[in-house]
Amino acid sequence: MSKNFFMGIRKFPVLYSKSLEWVSPSISILMEDEENHLLAEILLKEKVPLVLLQSSELRKVLLERSVCLHTSSPKFIRNHFSNRTIRNGALEDDELKLAYAEHILKHCISDLNPSQYHKLSQCQLVPLGDGNLGK
């Protein structure tokens, strides 16, 4: 019965996201590291359907039962910033964009070795001399 329950709620807006209000577990993003407050701030500014859970046990159950499919893993963040289409998110904040880009870049390379850095080629995170960010 619990398996059917969890599979049944995947498409219903039962989780709260500060950026989009109520979202379905199938599109929600759970924080991989609950202590990474700066990454959570960045993702909220990016309008990602980020769900911050107070219970690590609930997070574990939602992931184990494949109710929630995505976390803020380095791979997810690389994909987000490679394919991003919004133009008023965290990287457009003139005061904080360099700090945000540095934090994102550190997170994105945390699971890569130097021979895999090509996976960052579409991420616009490199500080340029004119104050903008480039690929």
Protein backbone atom coordinates (compact mmCIF):
# COMPACT_ATOMS: atom_id res chain seq x y z
CA MET A 1 0.00 0.00 0.00
CA SER A 2 2.78 2.46 0.81
CA LYS A 3 4.37 1.92 -2.62
CA ASN A 4 1.09 2.82 -4.33
CA PHE A 5 0.66 5.83 -2.07
CA PHE A 6 4.11 7.20 -2.87
CA MET A 7 3.73 6.59 -6.60
CA GLY A 8 0.28 8.16 -6.48
CA ILE A 9 1.45 11.49 -5.04
CA ARG A 10 4.32 12.02 -7.52
CA LYS A 11 2.27 14.31 -9.77
CA PHE A 12 0.28 16.17 -7.14
CA PRO A 13 1.47 19.49 -5.64
CA VAL A 14 2.10 18.25 -2.10
CA LEU A 15 5.56 19.74 -1.41
CA TYR A 16 6.21 23.40 -0.67
CA SER A 17 8.86 25.29 -2.60
CA LYS A 18 9.70 28.87 -1.61
CA SER A 19 10.26 29.77 -5.27
CA LEU A 20 7.11 28.29 -6.81
CA GLU A 21 4.90 27.56 -3.80
CA TRP A 22 3.28 24.08 -4.03
CA VAL A 23 4.97 21.65 -6.44
CA SER A 24 4.69 18.00 -7.31
CA PRO A 25 7.47 15.69 -6.12
CA SER A 26 8.20 14.67 -9.72
CA ILE A 27 9.48 18.18 -10.58
CA SER A 28 10.85 19.18 -7.19
CA ILE A 29 14.54 19.49 -6.38
CA LEU A 30 15.67 18.35 -2.94
CA MET A 31 18.84 19.74 -1.40
CA GLU A 32 21.61 17.17 -1.47
CA ASP A 33 23.45 18.93 1.36
CA GLU A 34 21.06 20.68 3.75
CA GLU A 35 23.95 22.78 5.12
CA ASN A 36 24.71 24.42 1.76
CA HIS A 37 22.66 27.56 2.44
CA LEU A 38 24.33 29.62 -0.28
CA LEU A 39 23.46 27.05 -2.94
CA ALA A 40 19.86 27.05 -1.70
CA GLU A 41 19.80 30.86 -1.97
CA ILE A 42 21.17 30.68 -5.52
CA LEU A 43 18.65 28.04 -6.61
CA LEU A 44 15.76 30.01 -5.15
CA LYS A 45 16.88 33.08 -7.11
CA GLU A 46 17.00 30.84 -10.19
CA LYS A 47 13.31 29.95 -9.64
CA VAL A 48 14.16 26.25 -9.33
CA PRO A 49 11.38 24.24 -7.61
CA LEU A 50 13.61 23.73 -4.57
CA VAL A 51 12.04 21.96 -1.61
CA LEU A 52 13.76 22.38 1.75
CA LEU A 53 12.72 19.60 4.10
CA GLN A 54 13.24 19.78 7.83
CA SER A 55 13.21 16.00 8.14
CA SER A 56 16.18 14.13 6.72
CA GLU A 57 14.18 10.92 7.13
CA LEU A 58 11.40 12.22 4.88
CA ARG A 59 13.98 13.29 2.31
CA LYS A 60 15.54 9.83 2.42
CA VAL A 61 12.16 8.10 1.96
CA LEU A 62 11.14 10.37 -0.93
CA LEU A 63 14.39 9.61 -2.75
CA GLU A 64 14.47 5.89 -1.96
CA ARG A 65 10.89 5.43 -3.18
CA SER A 66 11.62 7.47 -6.33
CA VAL A 67 8.91 9.96 -5.45
CA CYS A 68 11.38 12.82 -5.90
CA LEU A 69 13.79 12.29 -8.74
CA HIS A 70 16.20 15.22 -8.47
CA THR A 71 18.60 16.62 -5.91
CA SER A 72 20.98 19.55 -6.00
CA SER A 73 23.77 17.23 -7.09
CA PRO A 74 26.72 18.67 -9.02
CA LYS A 75 25.41 16.98 -12.18
CA PHE A 76 21.96 18.58 -11.78
CA ILE A 77 23.53 22.01 -11.18
CA ARG A 78 25.79 21.62 -14.26
CA ASN A 79 22.77 20.74 -16.37
CA HIS A 80 20.75 23.63 -14.99
CA PHE A 81 23.43 26.23 -15.68
CA SER A 82 24.25 24.73 -19.09
CA ASN A 83 20.62 24.92 -20.22
CA ARG A 84 19.36 27.93 -18.30
CA THR A 85 16.98 30.23 -20.12
CA ILE A 86 16.01 32.74 -17.43
CA ARG A 87 17.68 36.11 -17.55
CA ASN A 88 16.94 37.57 -14.13
CA GLY A 89 18.26 34.91 -11.80
CA ALA A 90 21.19 34.69 -9.43
CA LEU A 91 23.84 35.35 -12.10
CA GLU A 92 22.27 38.67 -13.03
CA ASP A 93 22.62 40.05 -9.49
CA ASP A 94 25.38 42.64 -10.09
CA GLU A 95 26.53 42.68 -6.47
CA LEU A 96 26.65 38.92 -5.87
CA LYS A 97 27.03 37.25 -9.28
CA LEU A 98 30.79 36.66 -8.97
CA ALA A 99 30.43 35.10 -5.51
CA TYR A 100 27.49 33.02 -6.77
CA ALA A 101 29.41 31.91 -9.88
CA GLU A 102 32.41 30.89 -7.76
CA HIS A 103 30.22 28.87 -5.39
CA ILE A 104 28.36 27.21 -8.26
CA LEU A 105 31.63 26.38 -10.02
CA LYS A 106 33.10 24.81 -6.88
CA HIS A 107 29.95 22.73 -6.46
CA CYS A 108 29.91 21.71 -10.13
CA ILE A 109 33.49 20.41 -10.12
CA SER A 110 33.23 18.64 -6.76
CA ASP A 111 32.46 15.28 -8.40
CA LEU A 112 34.74 15.69 -11.43
CA ASN A 113 38.40 15.04 -11.99
CA PRO A 114 40.35 17.49 -14.19
CA SER A 115 39.96 15.31 -17.30
CA GLN A 116 36.16 15.76 -17.00
CA TYR A 117 36.08 19.55 -16.79
CA HIS A 118 34.79 19.68 -20.37
CA LYS A 119 31.37 18.91 -18.83
CA LEU A 120 31.33 22.57 -17.75
CA SER A 121 31.75 23.93 -21.29
CA GLN A 122 28.21 25.35 -21.55
CA CYS A 123 28.06 26.76 -18.01
CA GLN A 124 28.35 30.55 -18.02
CA LEU A 125 30.42 30.83 -14.83
CA VAL A 126 33.82 32.21 -15.86
CA PRO A 127 34.45 35.80 -14.70
CA LEU A 128 35.45 38.08 -17.58
CA GLY A 129 37.40 41.34 -17.46
CA ASP A 130 34.29 43.43 -18.23
CA GLY A 131 32.50 42.12 -15.12
CA ASN A 132 30.29 39.66 -17.00
CA LEU A 133 30.38 35.89 -16.92
CA GLY A 134 31.38 33.77 -19.89
CA LYS A 135 31.42 30.11 -20.93
